[in-house]
Amino acid sequence: MSLARSKNLERKLNLISKEASTELNNVCGSNLWETLGFVYFDQFDNKDKIAKANFYYGQLQLVKELKSFF
């Protein structure tokens, strides 16, 4: 992979990560999820909030895994 493509991929992954973190902060009302992980989502009563939090947390995990390859 060329250097330019690698940098573009890194920028895109950073954007996805930032969006996911922002959405998780909005859903959770704080950044406490960063220390507790997905276990924090079990305290929600609303299934839609749980689903949204799990989706964005999954995105963060995927970005983290992809970044480990380069």
PDB file of N, CA and C in Angstrom:
ATOM      1  N   MET A   1       0.852  -1.168   0.000  1.00  0.00           N
ATOM      2  CA  MET A   1       0.000   0.000   0.000  1.00  0.00           C
ATOM      3  C   MET A   1       0.897   1.230   0.000  1.00  0.00           C
ATOM      4  N   SER A   2       0.546   2.186  -0.842  1.00  0.00           N
ATOM      5  CA  SER A   2       1.341   3.406  -0.924  1.00  0.00           C
ATOM      6  C   SER A   2       1.177   4.244   0.341  1.00  0.00           C
ATOM      7  N   LEU A   3       2.100   5.151   0.528  1.00  0.00           N
ATOM      8  CA  LEU A   3       2.064   6.009   1.708  1.00  0.00           C
ATOM      9  C   LEU A   3       0.809   6.881   1.713  1.00  0.00           C
ATOM     10  N   ALA A   4       0.423   7.404   0.557  1.00  0.00           N
ATOM     11  CA  ALA A   4      -0.767   8.254   0.468  1.00  0.00           C
ATOM     12  C   ALA A   4      -2.025   7.467   0.824  1.00  0.00           C
ATOM     13  N   ARG A   5      -2.138   6.253   0.323  1.00  0.00           N
ATOM     14  CA  ARG A   5      -3.308   5.418   0.631  1.00  0.00           C
ATOM     15  C   ARG A   5      -3.342   5.056   2.106  1.00  0.00           C
ATOM     16  N   SER A   6      -2.177   4.793   2.661  1.00  0.00           N
ATOM     17  CA  SER A   6      -2.083   4.458   4.076  1.00  0.00           C
ATOM     18  C   SER A   6      -2.529   5.637   4.942  1.00  0.00           C
ATOM     19  N   LYS A   7      -2.098   6.841   4.576  1.00  0.00           N
ATOM     20  CA  LYS A   7      -2.488   8.038   5.328  1.00  0.00           C
ATOM     21  C   LYS A   7      -3.982   8.306   5.188  1.00  0.00           C
ATOM     22  N   ASN A   8      -4.532   8.091   3.986  1.00  0.00           N
ATOM     23  CA  ASN A   8      -5.978   8.269   3.794  1.00  0.00           C
ATOM     24  C   ASN A   8      -6.766   7.281   4.639  1.00  0.00           C
ATOM     25  N   LEU A   9      -6.306   6.042   4.670  1.00  0.00           N
ATOM     26  CA  LEU A   9      -6.973   5.029   5.484  1.00  0.00           C
ATOM     27  C   LEU A   9      -6.914   5.411   6.957  1.00  0.00           C
ATOM     28  N   GLU A  10      -5.771   5.872   7.402  1.00  0.00           N
ATOM     29  CA  GLU A  10      -5.626   6.272   8.805  1.00  0.00           C
ATOM     30  C   GLU A  10      -6.563   7.446   9.137  1.00  0.00           C
ATOM     31  N   ARG A  11      -6.669   8.415   8.231  1.00  0.00           N
ATOM     32  CA  ARG A  11      -7.578   9.551   8.444  1.00  0.00           C
ATOM     33  C   ARG A  11      -9.028   9.086   8.537  1.00  0.00           C
ATOM     34  N   LYS A  12      -9.417   8.183   7.650  1.00  0.00           N
ATOM     35  CA  LYS A  12     -10.791   7.675   7.662  1.00  0.00           C
ATOM     36  C   LYS A  12     -11.084   6.905   8.942  1.00  0.00           C
ATOM     37  N   LEU A  13     -10.140   6.103   9.370  1.00  0.00           N
ATOM     38  CA  LEU A  13     -10.325   5.352  10.611  1.00  0.00           C
ATOM     39  C   LEU A  13     -10.412   6.290  11.808  1.00  0.00           C
ATOM     40  N   ASN A  14      -9.627   7.353  11.802  1.00  0.00           N
ATOM     41  CA  ASN A  14      -9.689   8.339  12.885  1.00  0.00           C
ATOM     42  C   ASN A  14     -11.037   9.050  12.905  1.00  0.00           C
ATOM     43  N   LEU A  15     -11.581   9.355  11.731  1.00  0.00           N
ATOM     44  CA  LEU A  15     -12.899   9.989  11.664  1.00  0.00           C
ATOM     45  C   LEU A  15     -13.989   9.064  12.204  1.00  0.00           C
ATOM     46  N   ILE A  16     -13.915   7.796  11.825  1.00  0.00           N
ATOM     47  CA  ILE A  16     -14.894   6.819  12.317  1.00  0.00           C
ATOM     48  C   ILE A  16     -14.786   6.695  13.829  1.00  0.00           C
ATOM     49  N   SER A  17     -13.574   6.633  14.325  1.00  0.00           N
ATOM     50  CA  SER A  17     -13.338   6.512  15.761  1.00  0.00           C
ATOM     51  C   SER A  17     -13.871   7.729  16.516  1.00  0.00           C
ATOM     52  N   LYS A  18     -13.624   8.912  15.981  1.00  0.00           N
ATOM     53  CA  LYS A  18     -14.088  10.139  16.629  1.00  0.00           C
ATOM     54  C   LYS A  18     -15.618  10.195  16.645  1.00  0.00           C
ATOM     55  N   GLU A  19     -16.238   9.838  15.524  1.00  0.00           N
ATOM     56  CA  GLU A  19     -17.700   9.845  15.460  1.00  0.00           C
ATOM     57  C   GLU A  19     -18.291   8.847  16.452  1.00  0.00           C
ATOM     58  N   ALA A  20     -17.711   7.656  16.507  1.00  0.00           N
ATOM     59  CA  ALA A  20     -18.205   6.632  17.417  1.00  0.00           C
ATOM     60  C   ALA A  20     -18.061   7.077  18.875  1.00  0.00           C
ATOM     61  N   SER A  21     -16.929   7.673  19.221  1.00  0.00           N
ATOM     62  CA  SER A  21     -16.724   8.154  20.591  1.00  0.00           C
ATOM     63  C   SER A  21     -17.720   9.246  20.948  1.00  0.00           C
ATOM     64  N   THR A  22     -17.952  10.155  20.019  1.00  0.00           N
ATOM     65  CA  THR A  22     -18.913  11.235  20.251  1.00  0.00           C
ATOM     66  C   THR A  22     -20.313  10.681  20.458  1.00  0.00           C
ATOM     67  N   GLU A  23     -20.704   9.746  19.627  1.00  0.00           N
ATOM     68  CA  GLU A  23     -22.036   9.145  19.751  1.00  0.00           C
ATOM     69  C   GLU A  23     -22.171   8.368  21.062  1.00  0.00           C
ATOM     70  N   LEU A  24     -21.128   7.664  21.445  1.00  0.00           N
ATOM     71  CA  LEU A  24     -21.170   6.939  22.714  1.00  0.00           C
ATOM     72  C   LEU A  24     -21.285   7.897  23.891  1.00  0.00           C
ATOM     73  N   ASN A  25     -20.569   9.010  23.841  1.00  0.00           N
ATOM     74  CA  ASN A  25     -20.691  10.017  24.897  1.00  0.00           C
ATOM     75  C   ASN A  25     -22.116  10.563  24.960  1.00  0.00           C
ATOM     76  N   ASN A  26     -22.733  10.760  23.797  1.00  0.00           N
ATOM     77  CA  ASN A  26     -24.114  11.250  23.758  1.00  0.00           C
ATOM     78  C   ASN A  26     -25.092  10.219  24.321  1.00  0.00           C
ATOM     79  N   VAL A  27     -24.945   8.979  23.922  1.00  0.00           N
ATOM     80  CA  VAL A  27     -25.849   7.918  24.380  1.00  0.00           C
ATOM     81  C   VAL A  27     -25.697   7.692  25.877  1.00  0.00           C
ATOM     82  N   CYS A  28     -24.455   7.671  26.336  1.00  0.00           N
ATOM     83  CA  CYS A  28     -24.177   7.356  27.744  1.00  0.00           C
ATOM     84  C   CYS A  28     -24.282   8.575  28.660  1.00  0.00           C
ATOM     85  N   GLY A  29     -24.205   9.754  28.106  1.00  0.00           N
ATOM     86  CA  GLY A  29     -24.266  10.956  28.917  1.00  0.00           C
ATOM     87  C   GLY A  29     -22.944  11.319  29.566  1.00  0.00           C
ATOM     88  N   SER A  30     -21.921  10.538  29.335  1.00  0.00           N
ATOM     89  CA  SER A  30     -20.583  10.812  29.859  1.00  0.00           C
ATOM     90  C   SER A  30     -19.592   9.912  29.140  1.00  0.00           C
ATOM     91  N   ASN A  31     -18.331  10.012  29.512  1.00  0.00           N
ATOM     92  CA  ASN A  31     -17.323   9.140  28.910  1.00  0.00           C
ATOM     93  C   ASN A  31     -16.936   7.990  29.848  1.00  0.00           C
ATOM     94  N   LEU A  32     -17.772   7.681  30.792  1.00  0.00           N
ATOM     95  CA  LEU A  32     -17.492   6.595  31.729  1.00  0.00           C
ATOM     96  C   LEU A  32     -17.374   5.245  31.016  1.00  0.00           C
ATOM     97  N   TRP A  33     -18.034   5.115  29.883  1.00  0.00           N
ATOM     98  CA  TRP A  33     -17.966   3.877  29.109  1.00  0.00           C
ATOM     99  C   TRP A  33     -16.527   3.548  28.708  1.00  0.00           C
ATOM    100  N   GLU A  34     -15.668   4.585  28.607  1.00  0.00           N
ATOM    101  CA  GLU A  34     -14.276   4.357  28.193  1.00  0.00           C
ATOM    102  C   GLU A  34     -13.524   3.487  29.197  1.00  0.00           C
ATOM    103  N   THR A  35     -13.862   3.606  30.471  1.00  0.00           N
ATOM    104  CA  THR A  35     -13.164   2.803  31.482  1.00  0.00           C
ATOM    105  C   THR A  35     -13.878   1.487  31.757  1.00  0.00           C
ATOM    106  N   LEU A  36     -15.195   1.469  31.585  1.00  0.00           N
ATOM    107  CA  LEU A  36     -15.956   0.257  31.904  1.00  0.00           C
ATOM    108  C   LEU A  36     -16.214  -0.638  30.706  1.00  0.00           C
ATOM    109  N   GLY A  37     -16.105  -0.103  29.507  1.00  0.00           N
ATOM    110  CA  GLY A  37     -16.353  -0.890  28.309  1.00  0.00           C
ATOM    111  C   GLY A  37     -17.826  -1.165  28.111  1.00  0.00           C
ATOM    112  N   PHE A  38     -18.128  -2.221  27.352  1.00  0.00           N
ATOM    113  CA  PHE A  38     -19.519  -2.507  27.002  1.00  0.00           C
ATOM    114  C   PHE A  38     -20.370  -2.926  28.194  1.00  0.00           C
ATOM    115  N   VAL A  39     -19.756  -3.277  29.319  1.00  0.00           N
ATOM    116  CA  VAL A  39     -20.503  -3.638  30.526  1.00  0.00           C
ATOM    117  C   VAL A  39     -21.344  -2.455  30.997  1.00  0.00           C
ATOM    118  N   TYR A  40     -20.865  -1.252  30.729  1.00  0.00           N
ATOM    119  CA  TYR A  40     -21.579  -0.032  31.120  1.00  0.00           C
ATOM    120  C   TYR A  40     -22.961   0.043  30.469  1.00  0.00           C
ATOM    121  N   PHE A  41     -23.103  -0.513  29.278  1.00  0.00           N
ATOM    122  CA  PHE A  41     -24.361  -0.425  28.545  1.00  0.00           C
ATOM    123  C   PHE A  41     -25.468  -1.267  29.168  1.00  0.00           C
ATOM    124  N   ASP A  42     -25.121  -2.230  29.995  1.00  0.00           N
ATOM    125  CA  ASP A  42     -26.128  -3.094  30.637  1.00  0.00           C
ATOM    126  C   ASP A  42     -27.036  -2.322  31.582  1.00  0.00           C
ATOM    127  N   GLN A  43     -26.610  -1.164  32.035  1.00  0.00           N
ATOM    128  CA  GLN A  43     -27.408  -0.385  32.984  1.00  0.00           C
ATOM    129  C   GLN A  43     -28.544   0.376  32.309  1.00  0.00           C
ATOM    130  N   PHE A  44     -28.549   0.445  30.975  1.00  0.00           N
ATOM    131  CA  PHE A  44     -29.603   1.172  30.272  1.00  0.00           C
ATOM    132  C   PHE A  44     -30.919   0.402  30.319  1.00  0.00           C
ATOM    133  N   ASP A  45     -32.032   1.141  30.460  1.00  0.00           N
ATOM    134  CA  ASP A  45     -33.359   0.536  30.422  1.00  0.00           C
ATOM    135  C   ASP A  45     -33.903   0.469  28.999  1.00  0.00           C
ATOM    136  N   ASN A  46     -33.473   1.388  28.172  1.00  0.00           N
ATOM    137  CA  ASN A  46     -33.966   1.510  26.807  1.00  0.00           C
ATOM    138  C   ASN A  46     -33.155   0.606  25.868  1.00  0.00           C
ATOM    139  N   LYS A  47     -33.840  -0.315  25.202  1.00  0.00           N
ATOM    140  CA  LYS A  47     -33.143  -1.249  24.306  1.00  0.00           C
ATOM    141  C   LYS A  47     -32.527  -0.541  23.103  1.00  0.00           C
ATOM    142  N   ASP A  48     -33.130   0.563  22.669  1.00  0.00           N
ATOM    143  CA  ASP A  48     -32.569   1.321  21.551  1.00  0.00           C
ATOM    144  C   ASP A  48     -31.222   1.929  21.930  1.00  0.00           C
ATOM    145  N   LYS A  49     -31.114   2.422  23.163  1.00  0.00           N
ATOM    146  CA  LYS A  49     -29.843   2.980  23.633  1.00  0.00           C
ATOM    147  C   LYS A  49     -28.780   1.889  23.712  1.00  0.00           C
ATOM    148  N   ILE A  50     -29.172   0.723  24.181  1.00  0.00           N
ATOM    149  CA  ILE A  50     -28.230  -0.396  24.275  1.00  0.00           C
ATOM    150  C   ILE A  50     -27.734  -0.773  22.885  1.00  0.00           C
ATOM    151  N   ALA A  51     -28.656  -0.865  21.933  1.00  0.00           N
ATOM    152  CA  ALA A  51     -28.295  -1.240  20.563  1.00  0.00           C
ATOM    153  C   ALA A  51     -27.364  -0.203  19.940  1.00  0.00           C
ATOM    154  N   LYS A  52     -27.689   1.072  20.118  1.00  0.00           N
ATOM    155  CA  LYS A  52     -26.865   2.142  19.557  1.00  0.00           C
ATOM    156  C   LYS A  52     -25.475   2.142  20.191  1.00  0.00           C
ATOM    157  N   ALA A  53     -25.415   1.979  21.501  1.00  0.00           N
ATOM    158  CA  ALA A  53     -24.125   1.947  22.200  1.00  0.00           C
ATOM    159  C   ALA A  53     -23.297   0.753  21.744  1.00  0.00           C
ATOM    160  N   ASN A  54     -23.909  -0.401  21.620  1.00  0.00           N
ATOM    161  CA  ASN A  54     -23.185  -1.591  21.157  1.00  0.00           C
ATOM    162  C   ASN A  54     -22.666  -1.412  19.734  1.00  0.00           C
ATOM    163  N   PHE A  55     -23.478  -0.783  18.869  1.00  0.00           N
ATOM    164  CA  PHE A  55     -23.060  -0.544  17.493  1.00  0.00           C
ATOM    165  C   PHE A  55     -21.807   0.317  17.447  1.00  0.00           C
ATOM    166  N   TYR A  56     -21.843   1.453  18.143  1.00  0.00           N
ATOM    167  CA  TYR A  56     -20.699   2.359  18.109  1.00  0.00           C
ATOM    168  C   TYR A  56     -19.486   1.793  18.839  1.00  0.00           C
ATOM    169  N   TYR A  57     -19.714   1.026  19.891  1.00  0.00           N
ATOM    170  CA  TYR A  57     -18.594   0.392  20.573  1.00  0.00           C
ATOM    171  C   TYR A  57     -17.940  -0.643  19.651  1.00  0.00           C
ATOM    172  N   GLY A  58     -18.754  -1.344  18.893  1.00  0.00           N
ATOM    173  CA  GLY A  58     -18.234  -2.298  17.909  1.00  0.00           C
ATOM    174  C   GLY A  58     -17.404  -1.605  16.844  1.00  0.00           C
ATOM    175  N   GLN A  59     -17.847  -0.424  16.407  1.00  0.00           N
ATOM    176  CA  GLN A  59     -17.061   0.346  15.443  1.00  0.00           C
ATOM    177  C   GLN A  59     -15.693   0.701  16.020  1.00  0.00           C
ATOM    178  N   LEU A  60     -15.678   1.128  17.270  1.00  0.00           N
ATOM    179  CA  LEU A  60     -14.398   1.466  17.903  1.00  0.00           C
ATOM    180  C   LEU A  60     -13.470   0.257  17.976  1.00  0.00           C
ATOM    181  N   GLN A  61     -14.026  -0.875  18.315  1.00  0.00           N
ATOM    182  CA  GLN A  61     -13.216  -2.092  18.405  1.00  0.00           C
ATOM    183  C   GLN A  61     -12.675  -2.485  17.032  1.00  0.00           C
ATOM    184  N   LEU A  62     -13.494  -2.334  15.991  1.00  0.00           N
ATOM    185  CA  LEU A  62     -13.053  -2.656  14.638  1.00  0.00           C
ATOM    186  C   LEU A  62     -11.930  -1.725  14.194  1.00  0.00           C
ATOM    187  N   VAL A  63     -12.072  -0.436  14.464  1.00  0.00           N
ATOM    188  CA  VAL A  63     -11.027   0.524  14.117  1.00  0.00           C
ATOM    189  C   VAL A  63      -9.733   0.178  14.849  1.00  0.00           C
ATOM    190  N   LYS A  64      -9.851  -0.146  16.101  1.00  0.00           N
ATOM    191  CA  LYS A  64      -8.664  -0.509  16.912  1.00  0.00           C
ATOM    192  C   LYS A  64      -7.968  -1.733  16.304  1.00  0.00           C
ATOM    193  N   GLU A  65      -8.751  -2.712  15.905  1.00  0.00           N
ATOM    194  CA  GLU A  65      -8.191  -3.919  15.313  1.00  0.00           C
ATOM    195  C   GLU A  65      -7.532  -3.624  13.961  1.00  0.00           C
ATOM    196  N   LEU A  66      -8.200  -2.822  13.136  1.00  0.00           N
ATOM    197  CA  LEU A  66      -7.628  -2.476  11.828  1.00  0.00           C
ATOM    198  C   LEU A  66      -6.330  -1.683  11.968  1.00  0.00           C
ATOM    199  N   LYS A  67      -6.274  -0.777  12.949  1.00  0.00           N
ATOM    200  CA  LYS A  67      -5.064   0.018  13.159  1.00  0.00           C
ATOM    201  C   LYS A  67      -3.884  -0.840  13.603  1.00  0.00           C
ATOM    202  N   SER A  68      -4.175  -1.962  14.215  1.00  0.00           N
ATOM    203  CA  SER A  68      -3.076  -2.820  14.672  1.00  0.00           C
ATOM    204  C   SER A  68      -2.325  -3.488  13.507  1.00  0.00           C
ATOM    205  N   PHE A  69      -2.900  -3.441  12.302  1.00  0.00           N
ATOM    206  CA  PHE A  69      -2.272  -4.058  11.150  1.00  0.00           C
ATOM    207  C   PHE A  69      -1.303  -3.137  10.426  1.00  0.00           C
ATOM    208  N   PHE A  70      -1.304  -1.840  10.776  1.00  0.00           N
ATOM    209  CA  PHE A  70      -0.355  -0.950  10.097  1.00  0.00           C
ATOM    210  C   PHE A  70       0.319   0.002  11.037  1.00  0.00           C
TER     211      PHE A  70
END
